[in-house]
Amino acid sequence: MKYKKWTLKEKLEILSASEEIGTVETCRKYSVSTGTFYSWKKKFEHKGEAGLKVTYDTKSKELKEAEEENRVLRKLLSDREIELEVQRELLKKSLGRQIQEKFSKCHLQEA
């Protein structure tokens, strides 16, 4: 069975219809499982309309955006770390040559 996303308005309509024609008939009419219906009813009784609002769409979208931004930032950071490592190696080689040249000059002058 295909998953359907119910809007707040649809959920409220289904809950109000259940008071008129009964839970079982309402669930059949709207093709809603009784488990889903009772879950909505419980949320509505405890939190009112706020309990029925669809929040997973915005959270999942925000989460995906944050994860993508995190991925991009990690990539930039790893690229920068590679650049720094290459610069360190080049600096070691460059300084190593300079030290060797100075040592050779000093050593040759003493001889």
C-alpha atoms as a PDB file:
ATOM      1  CA  MET A   1       0.000   0.000   0.000  1.00  0.00           C
ATOM      2  CA  LYS A   2       1.270   3.469  -0.859  1.00  0.00           C
ATOM      3  CA  TYR A   3       2.051   5.819   1.999  1.00  0.00           C
ATOM      4  CA  LYS A   4      -0.119   8.958   2.121  1.00  0.00           C
ATOM      5  CA  LYS A   5       0.771  12.174   3.849  1.00  0.00           C
ATOM      6  CA  TRP A   6      -2.248  13.638   5.551  1.00  0.00           C
ATOM      7  CA  THR A   7      -2.619  17.383   6.031  1.00  0.00           C
ATOM      8  CA  LEU A   8      -3.802  18.918   9.276  1.00  0.00           C
ATOM      9  CA  LYS A   9      -7.139  19.783   7.679  1.00  0.00           C
ATOM     10  CA  GLU A  10      -7.672  16.189   6.510  1.00  0.00           C
ATOM     11  CA  LYS A  11      -6.809  14.794   9.934  1.00  0.00           C
ATOM     12  CA  LEU A  12      -9.261  17.142  11.649  1.00  0.00           C
ATOM     13  CA  GLU A  13     -11.948  16.233   9.117  1.00  0.00           C
ATOM     14  CA  ILE A  14     -11.415  12.522   9.759  1.00  0.00           C
ATOM     15  CA  LEU A  15     -11.514  12.974  13.540  1.00  0.00           C
ATOM     16  CA  SER A  16     -14.743  14.959  13.369  1.00  0.00           C
ATOM     17  CA  ALA A  17     -16.309  12.464  10.953  1.00  0.00           C
ATOM     18  CA  SER A  18     -15.574   9.658  13.417  1.00  0.00           C
ATOM     19  CA  GLU A  19     -17.815  11.330  15.978  1.00  0.00           C
ATOM     20  CA  GLU A  20     -20.707  11.299  13.502  1.00  0.00           C
ATOM     21  CA  ILE A  21     -20.400   7.922  11.779  1.00  0.00           C
ATOM     22  CA  GLY A  22     -18.097   5.991  14.092  1.00  0.00           C
ATOM     23  CA  THR A  23     -14.444   5.053  14.044  1.00  0.00           C
ATOM     24  CA  VAL A  24     -14.611   1.916  11.917  1.00  0.00           C
ATOM     25  CA  GLU A  25     -16.774   3.475   9.185  1.00  0.00           C
ATOM     26  CA  THR A  26     -14.611   6.611   9.098  1.00  0.00           C
ATOM     27  CA  CYS A  27     -11.437   4.575   8.759  1.00  0.00           C
ATOM     28  CA  ARG A  28     -12.966   2.597   5.880  1.00  0.00           C
ATOM     29  CA  LYS A  29     -14.292   5.734   4.168  1.00  0.00           C
ATOM     30  CA  TYR A  30     -10.944   7.539   4.271  1.00  0.00           C
ATOM     31  CA  SER A  31      -8.739   4.411   3.980  1.00  0.00           C
ATOM     32  CA  VAL A  32      -6.974   5.094   7.262  1.00  0.00           C
ATOM     33  CA  SER A  33      -5.801   2.302   9.534  1.00  0.00           C
ATOM     34  CA  THR A  34      -7.363   2.232  12.968  1.00  0.00           C
ATOM     35  CA  GLY A  35      -3.900   2.427  14.511  1.00  0.00           C
ATOM     36  CA  THR A  36      -3.184   5.662  12.669  1.00  0.00           C
ATOM     37  CA  PHE A  37      -6.614   7.016  13.587  1.00  0.00           C
ATOM     38  CA  TYR A  38      -6.154   6.315  17.292  1.00  0.00           C
ATOM     39  CA  SER A  39      -2.676   7.793  17.196  1.00  0.00           C
ATOM     40  CA  TRP A  40      -4.093  11.019  15.749  1.00  0.00           C
ATOM     41  CA  LYS A  41      -6.916  10.992  18.287  1.00  0.00           C
ATOM     42  CA  LYS A  42      -4.501  10.611  21.195  1.00  0.00           C
ATOM     43  CA  LYS A  43      -2.255  13.413  19.892  1.00  0.00           C
ATOM     44  CA  PHE A  44      -5.270  15.660  19.376  1.00  0.00           C
ATOM     45  CA  GLU A  45      -6.560  15.001  22.874  1.00  0.00           C
ATOM     46  CA  HIS A  46      -3.180  15.769  24.479  1.00  0.00           C
ATOM     47  CA  LYS A  47      -1.874  18.652  22.370  1.00  0.00           C
ATOM     48  CA  GLY A  48      -4.802  19.810  20.257  1.00  0.00           C
ATOM     49  CA  GLU A  49      -4.134  20.854  16.663  1.00  0.00           C
ATOM     50  CA  ALA A  50      -0.425  21.302  17.403  1.00  0.00           C
ATOM     51  CA  GLY A  51      -0.144  17.560  17.992  1.00  0.00           C
ATOM     52  CA  LEU A  52      -1.462  16.824  14.519  1.00  0.00           C
ATOM     53  CA  LYS A  53       0.688  19.284  12.598  1.00  0.00           C
ATOM     54  CA  VAL A  54       3.061  17.852  10.044  1.00  0.00           C
ATOM     55  CA  THR A  55       6.570  18.626  11.277  1.00  0.00           C
ATOM     56  CA  TYR A  56       8.644  15.870   9.694  1.00  0.00           C
ATOM     57  CA  ASP A  57       8.740  17.526   6.257  1.00  0.00           C
ATOM     58  CA  THR A  58      10.407  20.711   7.446  1.00  0.00           C
ATOM     59  CA  LYS A  59      12.732  18.890   9.821  1.00  0.00           C
ATOM     60  CA  SER A  60      13.871  16.418   7.236  1.00  0.00           C
ATOM     61  CA  LYS A  61      14.446  19.204   4.712  1.00  0.00           C
ATOM     62  CA  GLU A  62      16.420  21.251   7.241  1.00  0.00           C
ATOM     63  CA  LEU A  63      18.324  18.161   8.294  1.00  0.00           C
ATOM     64  CA  LYS A  64      19.229  17.334   4.700  1.00  0.00           C
ATOM     65  CA  GLU A  65      20.402  20.914   4.114  1.00  0.00           C
ATOM     66  CA  ALA A  66      22.506  20.825   7.286  1.00  0.00           C
ATOM     67  CA  GLU A  67      24.011  17.466   6.344  1.00  0.00           C
ATOM     68  CA  GLU A  68      24.882  18.744   2.855  1.00  0.00           C
ATOM     69  CA  GLU A  69      26.472  21.882   4.314  1.00  0.00           C
ATOM     70  CA  ASN A  70      28.390  19.693   6.774  1.00  0.00           C
ATOM     71  CA  ARG A  71      29.623  17.486   3.924  1.00  0.00           C
ATOM     72  CA  VAL A  72      30.820  20.516   1.930  1.00  0.00           C
ATOM     73  CA  LEU A  73      32.583  22.007   4.960  1.00  0.00           C
ATOM     74  CA  ARG A  74      34.305  18.701   5.754  1.00  0.00           C
ATOM     75  CA  LYS A  75      35.528  18.494   2.151  1.00  0.00           C
ATOM     76  CA  LEU A  76      36.886  22.061   2.319  1.00  0.00           C
ATOM     77  CA  LEU A  77      38.603  21.312   5.616  1.00  0.00           C
ATOM     78  CA  SER A  78      40.216  18.127   4.314  1.00  0.00           C
ATOM     79  CA  ASP A  79      41.402  19.951   1.172  1.00  0.00           C
ATOM     80  CA  ARG A  80      42.930  22.690   3.331  1.00  0.00           C
ATOM     81  CA  GLU A  81      44.645  20.119   5.561  1.00  0.00           C
ATOM     82  CA  ILE A  82      46.172  18.465   2.480  1.00  0.00           C
ATOM     83  CA  GLU A  83      47.424  21.851   1.241  1.00  0.00           C
ATOM     84  CA  LEU A  84      49.018  22.573   4.623  1.00  0.00           C
ATOM     85  CA  GLU A  85      50.696  19.172   4.711  1.00  0.00           C
ATOM     86  CA  VAL A  86      52.164  19.724   1.233  1.00  0.00           C
ATOM     87  CA  GLN A  87      53.415  23.165   2.295  1.00  0.00           C
ATOM     88  CA  ARG A  88      55.040  21.678   5.411  1.00  0.00           C
ATOM     89  CA  GLU A  89      56.813  19.030   3.341  1.00  0.00           C
ATOM     90  CA  LEU A  90      58.066  21.630   0.860  1.00  0.00           C
ATOM     91  CA  LEU A  91      59.258  23.820   3.710  1.00  0.00           C
ATOM     92  CA  LYS A  92      61.138  20.899   5.279  1.00  0.00           C
ATOM     93  CA  LYS A  93      62.826  20.114   1.965  1.00  0.00           C
ATOM     94  CA  SER A  94      63.665  23.764   1.348  1.00  0.00           C
ATOM     95  CA  LEU A  95      65.054  24.281   4.853  1.00  0.00           C
ATOM     96  CA  GLY A  96      66.859  20.967   4.670  1.00  0.00           C
ATOM     97  CA  ARG A  97      68.701  22.063   1.532  1.00  0.00           C
ATOM     98  CA  GLN A  98      69.600  25.443   3.043  1.00  0.00           C
ATOM     99  CA  ILE A  99      70.951  23.796   6.182  1.00  0.00           C
ATOM    100  CA  GLN A 100      72.931  21.288   4.117  1.00  0.00           C
ATOM    101  CA  GLU A 101      74.379  24.104   1.971  1.00  0.00           C
ATOM    102  CA  LYS A 102      75.366  26.145   5.044  1.00  0.00           C
ATOM    103  CA  PHE A 103      76.859  23.077   6.685  1.00  0.00           C
ATOM    104  CA  SER A 104      78.841  22.243   3.537  1.00  0.00           C
ATOM    105  CA  LYS A 105      80.116  25.818   3.218  1.00  0.00           C
ATOM    106  CA  CYS A 106      81.167  25.899   6.878  1.00  0.00           C
ATOM    107  CA  HIS A 107      82.712  22.492   6.583  1.00  0.00           C
ATOM    108  CA  LEU A 108      84.598  23.414   3.398  1.00  0.00           C
ATOM    109  CA  GLN A 109      85.902  26.657   4.935  1.00  0.00           C
ATOM    110  CA  GLU A 110      87.320  24.801   7.901  1.00  0.00           C
ATOM    111  CA  ALA A 111      89.196  22.442   5.655  1.00  0.00           C
END
